[in-house]
């Protein structure tokens, strides 16, 4: 097993508003084998996301492994509506950063995508 950072494996890691009271996250992979290996690793499970963001289970409203797009998607409830006093990220676009350095245990025989 080798540890790889999620940003080395994913094609896209992003967050954005999903209405005024939710933020959605997309982690999209280039190929099926990498997507499957990350899913099998458990590094991006529902429980792993809750721990990474320090969230109670009630704030993680959706968690989906979307096979047709080689994507893992999840949505969290905001503490306050987008744009309201005290909101630090009106577009929800700055919330993905903790995902970048998630360690993913990958089998040694998994193909390595070139870092682009």
PDB file of N, CA and C in Angstrom:
ATOM      1  N   UNK A   1       0.837  -1.192   0.000  1.00  0.00           N
ATOM      2  CA  UNK A   1       0.000   0.000   0.000  1.00  0.00           C
ATOM      3  C   UNK A   1       0.878   1.251   0.000  1.00  0.00           C
ATOM      4  N   UNK A   2       0.448   2.207  -0.749  1.00  0.00           N
ATOM      5  CA  UNK A   2       1.111   3.501  -0.754  1.00  0.00           C
ATOM      6  C   UNK A   2       0.070   4.563  -0.424  1.00  0.00           C
ATOM      7  N   UNK A   3       0.479   5.604   0.272  1.00  0.00           N
ATOM      8  CA  UNK A   3      -0.423   6.713   0.560  1.00  0.00           C
ATOM      9  C   UNK A   3      -0.298   7.753  -0.539  1.00  0.00           C
ATOM     10  N   UNK A   4      -1.428   8.170  -1.049  1.00  0.00           N
ATOM     11  CA  UNK A   4      -1.469   9.235  -2.053  1.00  0.00           C
ATOM     12  C   UNK A   4      -2.391  10.318  -1.535  1.00  0.00           C
ATOM     13  N   UNK A   5      -2.119  11.541  -1.871  1.00  0.00           N
ATOM     14  CA  UNK A   5      -2.994  12.654  -1.518  1.00  0.00           C
ATOM     15  C   UNK A   5      -4.168  12.675  -2.491  1.00  0.00           C
ATOM     16  N   UNK A   6      -5.331  13.023  -1.983  1.00  0.00           N
ATOM     17  CA  UNK A   6      -6.523  13.033  -2.823  1.00  0.00           C
ATOM     18  C   UNK A   6      -6.354  13.946  -4.036  1.00  0.00           C
ATOM     19  N   UNK A   7      -5.680  15.080  -3.857  1.00  0.00           N
ATOM     20  CA  UNK A   7      -5.516  16.000  -4.995  1.00  0.00           C
ATOM     21  C   UNK A   7      -4.657  15.400  -6.101  1.00  0.00           C
ATOM     22  N   UNK A   8      -3.864  14.369  -5.798  1.00  0.00           N
ATOM     23  CA  UNK A   8      -3.078  13.685  -6.826  1.00  0.00           C
ATOM     24  C   UNK A   8      -3.944  12.715  -7.637  1.00  0.00           C
ATOM     25  N   UNK A   9      -5.040  12.283  -7.057  1.00  0.00           N
ATOM     26  CA  UNK A   9      -5.873  11.247  -7.669  1.00  0.00           C
ATOM     27  C   UNK A   9      -7.100  11.783  -8.387  1.00  0.00           C
ATOM     28  N   UNK A  10      -7.618  12.898  -7.904  1.00  0.00           N
ATOM     29  CA  UNK A  10      -8.866  13.434  -8.445  1.00  0.00           C
ATOM     30  C   UNK A  10      -8.614  14.417  -9.581  1.00  0.00           C
ATOM     31  N   UNK A  11      -9.517  14.421 -10.528  1.00  0.00           N
ATOM     32  CA  UNK A  11      -9.480  15.404 -11.617  1.00  0.00           C
ATOM     33  C   UNK A  11     -10.025  16.737 -11.118  1.00  0.00           C
ATOM     34  N   UNK A  12     -11.075  16.674 -10.301  1.00  0.00           N
ATOM     35  CA  UNK A  12     -11.737  17.874  -9.796  1.00  0.00           C
ATOM     36  C   UNK A  12     -12.090  17.678  -8.330  1.00  0.00           C
ATOM     37  N   UNK A  13     -11.794  18.690  -7.519  1.00  0.00           N
ATOM     38  CA  UNK A  13     -12.246  18.750  -6.133  1.00  0.00           C
ATOM     39  C   UNK A  13     -12.801  20.157  -5.960  1.00  0.00           C
ATOM     40  N   UNK A  14     -14.108  20.256  -5.660  1.00  0.00           N
ATOM     41  CA  UNK A  14     -14.700  21.588  -5.572  1.00  0.00           C
ATOM     42  C   UNK A  14     -15.855  21.602  -4.573  1.00  0.00           C
ATOM     43  N   UNK A  15     -16.188  22.823  -4.159  1.00  0.00           N
ATOM     44  CA  UNK A  15     -17.376  23.047  -3.338  1.00  0.00           C
ATOM     45  C   UNK A  15     -18.109  24.250  -3.900  1.00  0.00           C
ATOM     46  N   UNK A  16     -19.425  24.275  -3.662  1.00  0.00           N
ATOM     47  CA  UNK A  16     -20.224  25.394  -4.154  1.00  0.00           C
ATOM     48  C   UNK A  16     -21.576  25.382  -3.447  1.00  0.00           C
ATOM     49  N   UNK A  17     -22.260  26.512  -3.530  1.00  0.00           N
ATOM     50  CA  UNK A  17     -23.583  26.600  -2.931  1.00  0.00           C
ATOM     51  C   UNK A  17     -24.529  25.602  -3.567  1.00  0.00           C
ATOM     52  N   UNK A  18     -25.429  25.110  -2.734  1.00  0.00           N
ATOM     53  CA  UNK A  18     -26.538  24.281  -3.197  1.00  0.00           C
ATOM     54  C   UNK A  18     -27.787  24.876  -2.557  1.00  0.00           C
ATOM     55  N   UNK A  19     -28.119  26.061  -2.996  1.00  0.00           N
ATOM     56  CA  UNK A  19     -29.169  26.842  -2.352  1.00  0.00           C
ATOM     57  C   UNK A  19     -28.543  27.724  -1.286  1.00  0.00           C
ATOM     58  N   UNK A  20     -29.362  28.438  -0.542  1.00  0.00           N
ATOM     59  CA  UNK A  20     -28.818  29.377   0.443  1.00  0.00           C
ATOM     60  C   UNK A  20     -28.391  28.711   1.739  1.00  0.00           C
ATOM     61  N   UNK A  21     -28.819  27.467   1.962  1.00  0.00           N
ATOM     62  CA  UNK A  21     -28.534  26.852   3.252  1.00  0.00           C
ATOM     63  C   UNK A  21     -27.721  25.559   3.167  1.00  0.00           C
ATOM     64  N   UNK A  22     -27.122  25.286   2.005  1.00  0.00           N
ATOM     65  CA  UNK A  22     -26.322  24.065   1.847  1.00  0.00           C
ATOM     66  C   UNK A  22     -25.093  24.350   0.982  1.00  0.00           C
ATOM     67  N   UNK A  23     -24.062  23.543   1.203  1.00  0.00           N
ATOM     68  CA  UNK A  23     -22.857  23.551   0.367  1.00  0.00           C
ATOM     69  C   UNK A  23     -22.657  22.136  -0.130  1.00  0.00           C
ATOM     70  N   UNK A  24     -22.420  21.995  -1.420  1.00  0.00           N
ATOM     71  CA  UNK A  24     -22.194  20.679  -2.003  1.00  0.00           C
ATOM     72  C   UNK A  24     -20.737  20.550  -2.445  1.00  0.00           C
ATOM     73  N   UNK A  25     -20.226  19.353  -2.365  1.00  0.00           N
ATOM     74  CA  UNK A  25     -18.836  19.041  -2.682  1.00  0.00           C
ATOM     75  C   UNK A  25     -18.821  17.969  -3.762  1.00  0.00           C
ATOM     76  N   UNK A  26     -17.912  18.117  -4.722  1.00  0.00           N
ATOM     77  CA  UNK A  26     -17.754  17.140  -5.800  1.00  0.00           C
ATOM     78  C   UNK A  26     -16.293  16.724  -5.856  1.00  0.00           C
ATOM     79  N   UNK A  27     -16.051  15.417  -5.844  1.00  0.00           N
ATOM     80  CA  UNK A  27     -14.722  14.869  -6.072  1.00  0.00           C
ATOM     81  C   UNK A  27     -14.881  13.947  -7.271  1.00  0.00           C
ATOM     82  N   UNK A  28     -14.254  14.314  -8.385  1.00  0.00           N
ATOM     83  CA  UNK A  28     -14.446  13.605  -9.648  1.00  0.00           C
ATOM     84  C   UNK A  28     -13.111  13.028 -10.098  1.00  0.00           C
ATOM     85  N   UNK A  29     -13.129  11.781 -10.523  1.00  0.00           N
ATOM     86  CA  UNK A  29     -11.912  11.078 -10.919  1.00  0.00           C
ATOM     87  C   UNK A  29     -11.856  10.886 -12.428  1.00  0.00           C
ATOM     88  N   UNK A  30     -10.656  10.710 -12.955  1.00  0.00           N
ATOM     89  CA  UNK A  30     -10.452  10.568 -14.399  1.00  0.00           C
ATOM     90  C   UNK A  30     -10.874   9.201 -14.934  1.00  0.00           C
ATOM     91  N   UNK A  31     -10.747   8.178 -14.093  1.00  0.00           N
ATOM     92  CA  UNK A  31     -10.995   6.829 -14.581  1.00  0.00           C
ATOM     93  C   UNK A  31     -11.647   5.966 -13.503  1.00  0.00           C
ATOM     94  N   UNK A  32     -12.238   4.885 -13.944  1.00  0.00           N
ATOM     95  CA  UNK A  32     -12.979   3.981 -13.062  1.00  0.00           C
ATOM     96  C   UNK A  32     -12.080   3.309 -12.029  1.00  0.00           C
ATOM     97  N   UNK A  33     -10.884   2.916 -12.413  1.00  0.00           N
ATOM     98  CA  UNK A  33     -10.025   2.186 -11.472  1.00  0.00           C
ATOM     99  C   UNK A  33      -9.609   3.060 -10.291  1.00  0.00           C
ATOM    100  N   UNK A  34      -9.293   4.326 -10.547  1.00  0.00           N
ATOM    101  CA  UNK A  34      -8.928   5.229  -9.452  1.00  0.00           C
ATOM    102  C   UNK A  34     -10.139   5.500  -8.566  1.00  0.00           C
ATOM    103  N   UNK A  35     -11.269   5.777  -9.182  1.00  0.00           N
ATOM    104  CA  UNK A  35     -12.519   5.997  -8.441  1.00  0.00           C
ATOM    105  C   UNK A  35     -12.824   4.803  -7.542  1.00  0.00           C
ATOM    106  N   UNK A  36     -12.768   3.602  -8.099  1.00  0.00           N
ATOM    107  CA  UNK A  36     -13.056   2.404  -7.315  1.00  0.00           C
ATOM    108  C   UNK A  36     -12.054   2.215  -6.175  1.00  0.00           C
ATOM    109  N   UNK A  37     -10.783   2.472  -6.440  1.00  0.00           N
ATOM    110  CA  UNK A  37      -9.764   2.308  -5.398  1.00  0.00           C
ATOM    111  C   UNK A  37      -9.982   3.293  -4.247  1.00  0.00           C
ATOM    112  N   UNK A  38     -10.338   4.525  -4.568  1.00  0.00           N
ATOM    113  CA  UNK A  38     -10.609   5.519  -3.518  1.00  0.00           C
ATOM    114  C   UNK A  38     -11.845   5.110  -2.727  1.00  0.00           C
ATOM    115  N   UNK A  39     -12.878   4.665  -3.399  1.00  0.00           N
ATOM    116  CA  UNK A  39     -14.088   4.196  -2.700  1.00  0.00           C
ATOM    117  C   UNK A  39     -13.758   3.045  -1.766  1.00  0.00           C
ATOM    118  N   UNK A  40     -13.006   2.072  -2.257  1.00  0.00           N
ATOM    119  CA  UNK A  40     -12.656   0.905  -1.441  1.00  0.00           C
ATOM    120  C   UNK A  40     -11.791   1.286  -0.246  1.00  0.00           C
ATOM    121  N   UNK A  41     -11.003   2.327  -0.376  1.00  0.00           N
ATOM    122  CA  UNK A  41     -10.078   2.717   0.701  1.00  0.00           C
ATOM    123  C   UNK A  41     -10.802   3.224   1.943  1.00  0.00           C
ATOM    124  N   UNK A  42     -11.993   3.771   1.779  1.00  0.00           N
ATOM    125  CA  UNK A  42     -12.719   4.346   2.904  1.00  0.00           C
ATOM    126  C   UNK A  42     -12.276   5.753   3.266  1.00  0.00           C
ATOM    127  N   UNK A  43     -11.325   6.302   2.544  1.00  0.00           N
ATOM    128  CA  UNK A  43     -10.805   7.638   2.856  1.00  0.00           C
ATOM    129  C   UNK A  43     -11.854   8.722   2.648  1.00  0.00           C
ATOM    130  N   UNK A  44     -12.861   8.461   1.817  1.00  0.00           N
ATOM    131  CA  UNK A  44     -13.934   9.433   1.583  1.00  0.00           C
ATOM    132  C   UNK A  44     -15.302   8.856   1.925  1.00  0.00           C
ATOM    133  N   UNK A  45     -15.377   8.090   2.978  1.00  0.00           N
ATOM    134  CA  UNK A  45     -16.666   7.564   3.419  1.00  0.00           C
ATOM    135  C   UNK A  45     -17.462   8.660   4.121  1.00  0.00           C
ATOM    136  N   UNK A  46     -18.696   8.388   4.366  1.00  0.00           N
ATOM    137  CA  UNK A  46     -19.545   9.313   5.129  1.00  0.00           C
ATOM    138  C   UNK A  46     -18.886   9.655   6.473  1.00  0.00           C
ATOM    139  N   UNK A  47     -18.409   8.634   7.163  1.00  0.00           N
ATOM    140  CA  UNK A  47     -17.777   8.830   8.467  1.00  0.00           C
ATOM    141  C   UNK A  47     -16.493   9.647   8.354  1.00  0.00           C
ATOM    142  N   UNK A  48     -15.714   9.401   7.289  1.00  0.00           N
ATOM    143  CA  UNK A  48     -14.457  10.134   7.096  1.00  0.00           C
ATOM    144  C   UNK A  48     -14.728  11.620   6.853  1.00  0.00           C
ATOM    145  N   UNK A  49     -15.764  11.928   6.089  1.00  0.00           N
ATOM    146  CA  UNK A  49     -16.117  13.320   5.822  1.00  0.00           C
ATOM    147  C   UNK A  49     -16.565  14.008   7.109  1.00  0.00           C
ATOM    148  N   UNK A  50     -17.383  13.343   7.905  1.00  0.00           N
ATOM    149  CA  UNK A  50     -17.822  13.916   9.180  1.00  0.00           C
ATOM    150  C   UNK A  50     -16.624  14.227  10.073  1.00  0.00           C
ATOM    151  N   UNK A  51     -15.678  13.306  10.145  1.00  0.00           N
ATOM    152  CA  UNK A  51     -14.489  13.519  10.971  1.00  0.00           C
ATOM    153  C   UNK A  51     -13.619  14.640  10.420  1.00  0.00           C
ATOM    154  N   UNK A  52     -13.403  14.657   9.117  1.00  0.00           N
ATOM    155  CA  UNK A  52     -12.553  15.671   8.490  1.00  0.00           C
ATOM    156  C   UNK A  52     -13.070  17.083   8.755  1.00  0.00           C
ATOM    157  N   UNK A  53     -14.370  17.258   8.644  1.00  0.00           N
ATOM    158  CA  UNK A  53     -14.970  18.579   8.818  1.00  0.00           C
ATOM    159  C   UNK A  53     -15.479  18.827  10.239  1.00  0.00           C
ATOM    160  N   UNK A  54     -15.343  17.838  11.118  1.00  0.00           N
ATOM    161  CA  UNK A  54     -15.796  18.008  12.492  1.00  0.00           C
ATOM    162  C   UNK A  54     -17.289  18.273  12.593  1.00  0.00           C
ATOM    163  N   UNK A  55     -18.070  17.542  11.809  1.00  0.00           N
ATOM    164  CA  UNK A  55     -19.512  17.775  11.717  1.00  0.00           C
ATOM    165  C   UNK A  55     -20.301  16.722  12.477  1.00  0.00           C
ATOM    166  N   UNK A  56     -21.424  17.119  13.062  1.00  0.00           N
ATOM    167  CA  UNK A  56     -22.355  16.106  13.556  1.00  0.00           C
ATOM    168  C   UNK A  56     -23.054  15.458  12.355  1.00  0.00           C
ATOM    169  N   UNK A  57     -23.499  14.254  12.527  1.00  0.00           N
ATOM    170  CA  UNK A  57     -24.134  13.529  11.425  1.00  0.00           C
ATOM    171  C   UNK A  57     -25.322  14.283  10.830  1.00  0.00           C
ATOM    172  N   UNK A  58     -26.002  15.054  11.630  1.00  0.00           N
ATOM    173  CA  UNK A  58     -27.187  15.771  11.159  1.00  0.00           C
ATOM    174  C   UNK A  58     -26.875  16.830  10.100  1.00  0.00           C
ATOM    175  N   UNK A  59     -25.633  17.312  10.019  1.00  0.00           N
ATOM    176  CA  UNK A  59     -25.297  18.347   9.017  1.00  0.00           C
ATOM    177  C   UNK A  59     -24.909  17.764   7.668  1.00  0.00           C
ATOM    178  N   UNK A  60     -24.612  16.479   7.597  1.00  0.00           N
ATOM    179  CA  UNK A  60     -24.285  15.845   6.317  1.00  0.00           C
ATOM    180  C   UNK A  60     -25.596  15.348   5.717  1.00  0.00           C
ATOM    181  N   UNK A  61     -26.153  16.138   4.809  1.00  0.00           N
ATOM    182  CA  UNK A  61     -27.498  15.846   4.322  1.00  0.00           C
ATOM    183  C   UNK A  61     -27.521  14.812   3.199  1.00  0.00           C
ATOM    184  N   UNK A  62     -26.441  14.718   2.435  1.00  0.00           N
ATOM    185  CA  UNK A  62     -26.367  13.756   1.331  1.00  0.00           C
ATOM    186  C   UNK A  62     -24.939  13.257   1.196  1.00  0.00           C
ATOM    187  N   UNK A  63     -24.803  12.002   0.821  1.00  0.00           N
ATOM    188  CA  UNK A  63     -23.498  11.422   0.492  1.00  0.00           C
ATOM    189  C   UNK A  63     -23.752  10.394  -0.595  1.00  0.00           C
ATOM    190  N   UNK A  64     -23.178  10.630  -1.788  1.00  0.00           N
ATOM    191  CA  UNK A  64     -23.477   9.789  -2.950  1.00  0.00           C
ATOM    192  C   UNK A  64     -22.188   9.393  -3.648  1.00  0.00           C
ATOM    193  N   UNK A  65     -22.058   8.113  -3.956  1.00  0.00           N
ATOM    194  CA  UNK A  65     -21.016   7.631  -4.858  1.00  0.00           C
ATOM    195  C   UNK A  65     -21.705   7.454  -6.208  1.00  0.00           C
ATOM    196  N   UNK A  66     -21.365   8.325  -7.158  1.00  0.00           N
ATOM    197  CA  UNK A  66     -22.071   8.380  -8.437  1.00  0.00           C
ATOM    198  C   UNK A  66     -21.217   7.721  -9.517  1.00  0.00           C
ATOM    199  N   UNK A  67     -21.443   6.432  -9.707  1.00  0.00           N
ATOM    200  CA  UNK A  67     -20.619   5.622 -10.605  1.00  0.00           C
ATOM    201  C   UNK A  67     -20.525   6.148 -12.044  1.00  0.00           C
ATOM    202  N   UNK A  68     -21.627   6.602 -12.674  1.00  0.00           N
ATOM    203  CA  UNK A  68     -21.508   7.032 -14.074  1.00  0.00           C
ATOM    204  C   UNK A  68     -20.509   8.170 -14.302  1.00  0.00           C
ATOM    205  N   UNK A  69     -20.293   9.004 -13.285  1.00  0.00           N
ATOM    206  CA  UNK A  69     -19.371  10.136 -13.440  1.00  0.00           C
ATOM    207  C   UNK A  69     -18.057   9.924 -12.695  1.00  0.00           C
ATOM    208  N   UNK A  70     -17.846   8.737 -12.118  1.00  0.00           N
ATOM    209  CA  UNK A  70     -16.660   8.469 -11.290  1.00  0.00           C
ATOM    210  C   UNK A  70     -16.516   9.551 -10.227  1.00  0.00           C
ATOM    211  N   UNK A  71     -17.610   9.836  -9.527  1.00  0.00           N
ATOM    212  CA  UNK A  71     -17.635  10.961  -8.604  1.00  0.00           C
ATOM    213  C   UNK A  71     -18.168  10.569  -7.232  1.00  0.00           C
ATOM    214  N   UNK A  72     -17.634  11.217  -6.223  1.00  0.00           N
ATOM    215  CA  UNK A  72     -18.166  11.148  -4.869  1.00  0.00           C
ATOM    216  C   UNK A  72     -18.661  12.553  -4.560  1.00  0.00           C
ATOM    217  N   UNK A  73     -19.913  12.643  -4.131  1.00  0.00           N
ATOM    218  CA  UNK A  73     -20.548  13.937  -3.904  1.00  0.00           C
ATOM    219  C   UNK A  73     -21.162  13.922  -2.511  1.00  0.00           C
ATOM    220  N   UNK A  74     -21.045  15.044  -1.813  1.00  0.00           N
ATOM    221  CA  UNK A  74     -21.742  15.150  -0.537  1.00  0.00           C
ATOM    222  C   UNK A  74     -22.174  16.588  -0.317  1.00  0.00           C
ATOM    223  N   UNK A  75     -23.179  16.755   0.537  1.00  0.00           N
ATOM    224  CA  UNK A  75     -23.747  18.065   0.813  1.00  0.00           C
ATOM    225  C   UNK A  75     -23.854  18.251   2.313  1.00  0.00           C
ATOM    226  N   UNK A  76     -23.483  19.446   2.768  1.00  0.00           N
ATOM    227  CA  UNK A  76     -23.608  19.760   4.193  1.00  0.00           C
ATOM    228  C   UNK A  76     -24.542  20.960   4.368  1.00  0.00           C
ATOM    229  N   UNK A  77     -25.225  20.969   5.492  1.00  0.00           N
ATOM    230  CA  UNK A  77     -26.067  22.107   5.844  1.00  0.00           C
ATOM    231  C   UNK A  77     -25.179  23.208   6.415  1.00  0.00           C
ATOM    232  N   UNK A  78     -25.404  24.426   5.963  1.00  0.00           N
ATOM    233  CA  UNK A  78     -24.684  25.589   6.489  1.00  0.00           C
ATOM    234  C   UNK A  78     -25.181  25.896   7.907  1.00  0.00           C
ATOM    235  N   UNK A  79     -24.326  26.532   8.686  1.00  0.00           N
ATOM    236  CA  UNK A  79     -24.740  26.994  10.008  1.00  0.00           C
ATOM    237  C   UNK A  79     -25.615  28.245   9.908  1.00  0.00           C
ATOM    238  N   UNK A  80     -25.369  29.048   8.866  1.00  0.00           N
ATOM    239  CA  UNK A  80     -26.178  30.257   8.615  1.00  0.00           C
ATOM    240  C   UNK A  80     -26.341  30.395   7.111  1.00  0.00           C
ATOM    241  N   UNK A  81     -27.400  31.036   6.673  1.00  0.00           N
ATOM    242  CA  UNK A  81     -27.637  31.177   5.227  1.00  0.00           C
ATOM    243  C   UNK A  81     -26.521  31.945   4.518  1.00  0.00           C
ATOM    244  N   UNK A  82     -26.304  31.594   3.276  1.00  0.00           N
ATOM    245  CA  UNK A  82     -25.309  32.269   2.457  1.00  0.00           C
ATOM    246  C   UNK A  82     -25.582  33.768   2.414  1.00  0.00           C
ATOM    247  N   UNK A  83     -24.549  34.561   2.668  1.00  0.00           N
ATOM    248  CA  UNK A  83     -24.664  36.008   2.595  1.00  0.00           C
ATOM    249  C   UNK A  83     -25.205  36.671   3.846  1.00  0.00           C
ATOM    250  N   UNK A  84     -25.565  35.878   4.845  1.00  0.00           N
ATOM    251  CA  UNK A  84     -26.081  36.483   6.069  1.00  0.00           C
ATOM    252  C   UNK A  84     -24.920  36.960   6.946  1.00  0.00           C
ATOM    253  N   UNK A  85     -25.188  37.833   7.922  1.00  0.00           N
ATOM    254  CA  UNK A  85     -24.110  38.304   8.806  1.00  0.00           C
ATOM    255  C   UNK A  85     -23.365  37.118   9.438  1.00  0.00           C
ATOM    256  N   UNK A  86     -22.058  37.187   9.369  1.00  0.00           N
ATOM    257  CA  UNK A  86     -21.223  36.124   9.926  1.00  0.00           C
ATOM    258  C   UNK A  86     -20.862  35.028   8.946  1.00  0.00           C
ATOM    259  N   UNK A  87     -21.455  35.032   7.762  1.00  0.00           N
ATOM    260  CA  UNK A  87     -21.109  34.032   6.749  1.00  0.00           C
ATOM    261  C   UNK A  87     -19.745  34.380   6.171  1.00  0.00           C
ATOM    262  N   UNK A  88     -18.820  33.435   6.239  1.00  0.00           N
ATOM    263  CA  UNK A  88     -17.445  33.710   5.790  1.00  0.00           C
ATOM    264  C   UNK A  88     -17.179  33.306   4.338  1.00  0.00           C
ATOM    265  N   UNK A  89     -18.131  32.655   3.678  1.00  0.00           N
ATOM    266  CA  UNK A  89     -17.922  32.193   2.307  1.00  0.00           C
ATOM    267  C   UNK A  89     -19.251  32.204   1.561  1.00  0.00           C
ATOM    268  N   UNK A  90     -19.606  33.342   1.025  1.00  0.00           N
ATOM    269  CA  UNK A  90     -20.926  33.537   0.421  1.00  0.00           C
ATOM    270  C   UNK A  90     -21.228  32.538  -0.699  1.00  0.00           C
ATOM    271  N   UNK A  91     -20.214  32.128  -1.458  1.00  0.00           N
ATOM    272  CA  UNK A  91     -20.432  31.197  -2.573  1.00  0.00           C
ATOM    273  C   UNK A  91     -20.174  29.735  -2.207  1.00  0.00           C
ATOM    274  N   UNK A  92     -19.662  29.482  -1.002  1.00  0.00           N
ATOM    275  CA  UNK A  92     -19.356  28.114  -0.601  1.00  0.00           C
ATOM    276  C   UNK A  92     -18.181  27.530  -1.362  1.00  0.00           C
ATOM    277  N   UNK A  93     -17.437  28.366  -2.080  1.00  0.00           N
ATOM    278  CA  UNK A  93     -16.386  27.887  -2.982  1.00  0.00           C
ATOM    279  C   UNK A  93     -15.040  27.683  -2.304  1.00  0.00           C
ATOM    280  N   UNK A  94     -14.921  28.002  -1.028  1.00  0.00           N
ATOM    281  CA  UNK A  94     -13.640  27.869  -0.332  1.00  0.00           C
ATOM    282  C   UNK A  94     -13.624  26.689   0.638  1.00  0.00           C
ATOM    283  N   UNK A  95     -14.647  25.875   0.639  1.00  0.00           N
ATOM    284  CA  UNK A  95     -14.796  24.834   1.669  1.00  0.00           C
ATOM    285  C   UNK A  95     -14.157  23.493   1.321  1.00  0.00           C
ATOM    286  N   UNK A  96     -13.661  23.344   0.113  1.00  0.00           N
ATOM    287  CA  UNK A  96     -13.098  22.064  -0.319  1.00  0.00           C
ATOM    288  C   UNK A  96     -11.664  21.832   0.159  1.00  0.00           C
ATOM    289  N   UNK A  97     -10.977  22.870   0.606  1.00  0.00           N
ATOM    290  CA  UNK A  97      -9.542  22.787   0.898  1.00  0.00           C
ATOM    291  C   UNK A  97      -9.147  21.614   1.806  1.00  0.00           C
ATOM    292  N   UNK A  98      -9.880  21.295   2.871  1.00  0.00           N
ATOM    293  CA  UNK A  98      -9.465  20.151   3.698  1.00  0.00           C
ATOM    294  C   UNK A  98      -9.400  18.823   2.938  1.00  0.00           C
ATOM    295  N   UNK A  99     -10.117  18.710   1.841  1.00  0.00           N
ATOM    296  CA  UNK A  99     -10.108  17.472   1.066  1.00  0.00           C
ATOM    297  C   UNK A  99      -8.795  17.254   0.313  1.00  0.00           C
ATOM    298  N   UNK A 100      -8.116  18.319  -0.035  1.00  0.00           N
ATOM    299  CA  UNK A 100      -6.938  18.213  -0.900  1.00  0.00           C
ATOM    300  C   UNK A 100      -5.869  17.277  -0.355  1.00  0.00           C
ATOM    301  N   UNK A 101      -5.615  17.345   0.936  1.00  0.00           N
ATOM    302  CA  UNK A 101      -4.532  16.558   1.524  1.00  0.00           C
ATOM    303  C   UNK A 101      -4.987  15.307   2.256  1.00  0.00           C
ATOM    304  N   UNK A 102      -6.192  14.843   1.962  1.00  0.00           N
ATOM    305  CA  UNK A 102      -6.650  13.576   2.538  1.00  0.00           C
ATOM    306  C   UNK A 102      -5.738  12.471   2.036  1.00  0.00           C
ATOM    307  N   UNK A 103      -5.203  11.676   2.956  1.00  0.00           N
ATOM    308  CA  UNK A 103      -4.373  10.524   2.589  1.00  0.00           C
ATOM    309  C   UNK A 103      -5.264   9.369   2.161  1.00  0.00           C
ATOM    310  N   UNK A 104      -4.950   8.811   1.006  1.00  0.00           N
ATOM    311  CA  UNK A 104      -5.721   7.696   0.462  1.00  0.00           C
ATOM    312  C   UNK A 104      -4.782   6.511   0.310  1.00  0.00           C
ATOM    313  N   UNK A 105      -5.022   5.431   1.055  1.00  0.00           N
ATOM    314  CA  UNK A 105      -4.203   4.230   0.856  1.00  0.00           C
ATOM    315  C   UNK A 105      -4.568   3.570  -0.473  1.00  0.00           C
ATOM    316  N   UNK A 106      -3.584   3.445  -1.343  1.00  0.00           N
ATOM    317  CA  UNK A 106      -3.803   2.872  -2.662  1.00  0.00           C
ATOM    318  C   UNK A 106      -2.960   1.614  -2.818  1.00  0.00           C
ATOM    319  N   UNK A 107      -3.520   0.586  -3.432  1.00  0.00           N
ATOM    320  CA  UNK A 107      -2.721  -0.616  -3.708  1.00  0.00           C
ATOM    321  C   UNK A 107      -1.526  -0.253  -4.585  1.00  0.00           C
ATOM    322  N   UNK A 108      -0.422  -0.929  -4.362  1.00  0.00           N
ATOM    323  CA  UNK A 108       0.794  -0.645  -5.125  1.00  0.00           C
ATOM    324  C   UNK A 108       0.620  -0.865  -6.615  1.00  0.00           C
ATOM    325  N   UNK A 109      -0.320  -1.700  -7.017  1.00  0.00           N
ATOM    326  CA  UNK A 109      -0.493  -1.988  -8.443  1.00  0.00           C
ATOM    327  C   UNK A 109      -1.485  -1.053  -9.125  1.00  0.00           C
ATOM    328  N   UNK A 110      -2.019  -0.052  -8.403  1.00  0.00           N
ATOM    329  CA  UNK A 110      -2.950   0.891  -9.026  1.00  0.00           C
ATOM    330  C   UNK A 110      -2.199   1.797  -9.986  1.00  0.00           C
ATOM    331  N   UNK A 111      -2.798   2.100 -11.128  1.00  0.00           N
ATOM    332  CA  UNK A 111      -2.125   3.018 -12.071  1.00  0.00           C
ATOM    333  C   UNK A 111      -2.037   4.419 -11.483  1.00  0.00           C
ATOM    334  N   UNK A 112      -0.970   5.100 -11.798  1.00  0.00           N
ATOM    335  CA  UNK A 112      -0.796   6.483 -11.356  1.00  0.00           C
ATOM    336  C   UNK A 112      -1.129   7.402 -12.506  1.00  0.00           C
ATOM    337  N   UNK A 113      -2.103   8.256 -12.262  1.00  0.00           N
ATOM    338  CA  UNK A 113      -2.411   9.281 -13.258  1.00  0.00           C
ATOM    339  C   UNK A 113      -1.330  10.340 -13.202  1.00  0.00           C
ATOM    340  N   UNK A 114      -0.900  10.857 -14.328  1.00  0.00           N
ATOM    341  CA  UNK A 114       0.072  11.938 -14.302  1.00  0.00           C
ATOM    342  C   UNK A 114      -0.565  13.171 -13.669  1.00  0.00           C
ATOM    343  N   UNK A 115       0.197  13.872 -12.872  1.00  0.00           N
ATOM    344  CA  UNK A 115      -0.291  15.108 -12.267  1.00  0.00           C
ATOM    345  C   UNK A 115      -0.274  16.176 -13.343  1.00  0.00           C
ATOM    346  N   UNK A 116      -1.443  16.762 -13.560  1.00  0.00           N
ATOM    347  CA  UNK A 116      -1.585  17.758 -14.626  1.00  0.00           C
ATOM    348  C   UNK A 116      -1.640  19.134 -14.018  1.00  0.00           C
TER     349      UNK A 116
END
